[in-house]
Amino acid sequence: MFFAADGPDKTLEIPLTRYWTSQPSILFSYGAAPRDMQEALDLIAGGRVKVSDLVTHRFPLSRIGEAFELFDNPRDTSLKIIIEPNR
């Protein structure tokens, strides 16, 4: 999953044969425009969107393996998984 590109002229080298044999999916995520970000911040600041309810799991850095395992195999109510390095 790619979220933010380095810029319009950046390229990515991939091992084509490995991708051909394993056939993974490469997905791209939408990045919001400044107007969208401002609207989202206004909704959060106004209490209309409770972002704390979106975080379902928090892990310290010492349990990062467990966090990635949950990410790879979602279960229960896992929605947003946060790794907190200073916890």
C-alpha atoms as a PDB file:
ATOM      1  CA  MET A   1       0.000   0.000   0.000  1.00  0.00           C
ATOM      2  CA  PHE A   2       1.503   3.293  -1.106  1.00  0.00           C
ATOM      3  CA  PHE A   3       0.101   6.407   0.521  1.00  0.00           C
ATOM      4  CA  ALA A   4       2.364   9.317  -0.290  1.00  0.00           C
ATOM      5  CA  ALA A   5       4.678   9.480  -3.275  1.00  0.00           C
ATOM      6  CA  ASP A   6       8.047  11.220  -3.110  1.00  0.00           C
ATOM      7  CA  GLY A   7       7.151  13.316  -6.128  1.00  0.00           C
ATOM      8  CA  PRO A   8       5.930  13.123  -9.698  1.00  0.00           C
ATOM      9  CA  ASP A   9       9.314  12.105 -11.136  1.00  0.00           C
ATOM     10  CA  LYS A  10      10.131   9.298  -8.677  1.00  0.00           C
ATOM     11  CA  THR A  11      10.336   5.711  -9.897  1.00  0.00           C
ATOM     12  CA  LEU A  12      10.202   2.393  -8.084  1.00  0.00           C
ATOM     13  CA  GLU A  13      12.302  -0.583  -9.131  1.00  0.00           C
ATOM     14  CA  ILE A  14      10.654  -3.940  -8.440  1.00  0.00           C
ATOM     15  CA  PRO A  15      11.873  -7.514  -8.946  1.00  0.00           C
ATOM     16  CA  LEU A  16       9.522  -8.297 -11.832  1.00  0.00           C
ATOM     17  CA  THR A  17       9.965 -12.089 -11.813  1.00  0.00           C
ATOM     18  CA  ARG A  18       9.193 -12.301  -8.092  1.00  0.00           C
ATOM     19  CA  TYR A  19       6.050 -10.216  -8.567  1.00  0.00           C
ATOM     20  CA  TRP A  20       5.060 -12.285 -11.591  1.00  0.00           C
ATOM     21  CA  THR A  21       5.289 -15.541  -9.640  1.00  0.00           C
ATOM     22  CA  SER A  22       3.667 -14.321  -6.408  1.00  0.00           C
ATOM     23  CA  GLN A  23       1.234 -11.829  -8.019  1.00  0.00           C
ATOM     24  CA  PRO A  24       0.835  -9.426  -5.090  1.00  0.00           C
ATOM     25  CA  SER A  25      -1.444  -6.414  -5.253  1.00  0.00           C
ATOM     26  CA  ILE A  26       0.046  -2.943  -5.219  1.00  0.00           C
ATOM     27  CA  LEU A  27      -2.502  -0.383  -4.082  1.00  0.00           C
ATOM     28  CA  PHE A  28      -2.403   3.367  -3.822  1.00  0.00           C
ATOM     29  CA  SER A  29      -4.242   5.450  -1.277  1.00  0.00           C
ATOM     30  CA  TYR A  30      -5.897   8.815  -1.878  1.00  0.00           C
ATOM     31  CA  GLY A  31      -4.204  11.818  -0.359  1.00  0.00           C
ATOM     32  CA  ALA A  32      -6.589  14.558   0.689  1.00  0.00           C
ATOM     33  CA  ALA A  33      -6.462  18.071  -0.715  1.00  0.00           C
ATOM     34  CA  PRO A  34      -5.916  20.989   1.723  1.00  0.00           C
ATOM     35  CA  ARG A  35      -9.654  21.802   1.635  1.00  0.00           C
ATOM     36  CA  ASP A  36     -10.490  18.195   2.582  1.00  0.00           C
ATOM     37  CA  MET A  37      -7.976  18.280   5.421  1.00  0.00           C
ATOM     38  CA  GLN A  38      -9.438  21.511   6.782  1.00  0.00           C
ATOM     39  CA  GLU A  39     -12.958  20.079   6.677  1.00  0.00           C
ATOM     40  CA  ALA A  40     -11.781  16.945   8.509  1.00  0.00           C
ATOM     41  CA  LEU A  41      -9.992  19.016  11.164  1.00  0.00           C
ATOM     42  CA  ASP A  42     -13.093  21.157  11.656  1.00  0.00           C
ATOM     43  CA  LEU A  43     -15.253  18.038  12.124  1.00  0.00           C
ATOM     44  CA  ILE A  44     -12.793  16.612  14.655  1.00  0.00           C
ATOM     45  CA  ALA A  45     -12.418  19.930  16.521  1.00  0.00           C
ATOM     46  CA  GLY A  46     -16.201  20.318  16.641  1.00  0.00           C
ATOM     47  CA  GLY A  47     -16.593  16.885  18.194  1.00  0.00           C
ATOM     48  CA  ARG A  48     -18.625  15.549  15.272  1.00  0.00           C
ATOM     49  CA  VAL A  49     -16.038  12.845  14.556  1.00  0.00           C
ATOM     50  CA  LYS A  50     -14.585  10.977  17.522  1.00  0.00           C
ATOM     51  CA  VAL A  51     -11.230   9.820  16.230  1.00  0.00           C
ATOM     52  CA  SER A  52     -10.304   8.061  19.488  1.00  0.00           C
ATOM     53  CA  ASP A  53     -13.066   5.544  18.726  1.00  0.00           C
ATOM     54  CA  LEU A  54     -11.271   4.604  15.482  1.00  0.00           C
ATOM     55  CA  VAL A  55      -8.154   3.341  17.308  1.00  0.00           C
ATOM     56  CA  THR A  56      -8.968  -0.199  18.369  1.00  0.00           C
ATOM     57  CA  HIS A  57      -5.526  -1.470  19.368  1.00  0.00           C
ATOM     58  CA  ARG A  58      -2.375   0.114  20.808  1.00  0.00           C
ATOM     59  CA  PHE A  59       0.944  -1.685  21.115  1.00  0.00           C
ATOM     60  CA  PRO A  60       4.295  -0.721  22.629  1.00  0.00           C
ATOM     61  CA  LEU A  61       7.357  -1.131  20.435  1.00  0.00           C
ATOM     62  CA  SER A  62       8.263  -4.286  22.361  1.00  0.00           C
ATOM     63  CA  ARG A  63       5.116  -5.966  20.917  1.00  0.00           C
ATOM     64  CA  ILE A  64       5.521  -4.771  17.310  1.00  0.00           C
ATOM     65  CA  GLY A  65       5.450  -8.345  16.008  1.00  0.00           C
ATOM     66  CA  GLU A  66       2.027  -8.888  17.554  1.00  0.00           C
ATOM     67  CA  ALA A  67       0.800  -5.616  16.062  1.00  0.00           C
ATOM     68  CA  PHE A  68       1.896  -6.617  12.557  1.00  0.00           C
ATOM     69  CA  GLU A  69       0.389 -10.082  12.992  1.00  0.00           C
ATOM     70  CA  LEU A  70      -2.953  -8.459  13.859  1.00  0.00           C
ATOM     71  CA  PHE A  71      -2.610  -6.163  10.858  1.00  0.00           C
ATOM     72  CA  ASP A  72      -1.941  -9.164   8.607  1.00  0.00           C
ATOM     73  CA  ASN A  73      -4.792 -11.198  10.118  1.00  0.00           C
ATOM     74  CA  PRO A  74      -7.527  -8.793  11.298  1.00  0.00           C
ATOM     75  CA  ARG A  75      -9.924 -10.171  13.859  1.00  0.00           C
ATOM     76  CA  ASP A  76     -12.467  -9.069  16.393  1.00  0.00           C
ATOM     77  CA  THR A  77     -12.973  -5.350  16.006  1.00  0.00           C
ATOM     78  CA  SER A  78      -9.503  -4.401  14.742  1.00  0.00           C
ATOM     79  CA  LEU A  79      -9.741  -1.229  12.712  1.00  0.00           C
ATOM     80  CA  LYS A  80      -6.835   1.110  13.471  1.00  0.00           C
ATOM     81  CA  ILE A  81      -3.669  -0.306  15.036  1.00  0.00           C
ATOM     82  CA  ILE A  82      -1.189   2.111  16.599  1.00  0.00           C
ATOM     83  CA  ILE A  83       2.409   1.363  17.580  1.00  0.00           C
ATOM     84  CA  GLU A  84       3.496   3.731  20.343  1.00  0.00           C
ATOM     85  CA  PRO A  85       7.308   3.639  20.597  1.00  0.00           C
ATOM     86  CA  ASN A  86       7.418   5.593  23.856  1.00  0.00           C
ATOM     87  CA  ARG A  87       4.796   3.563  25.682  1.00  0.00           C
END
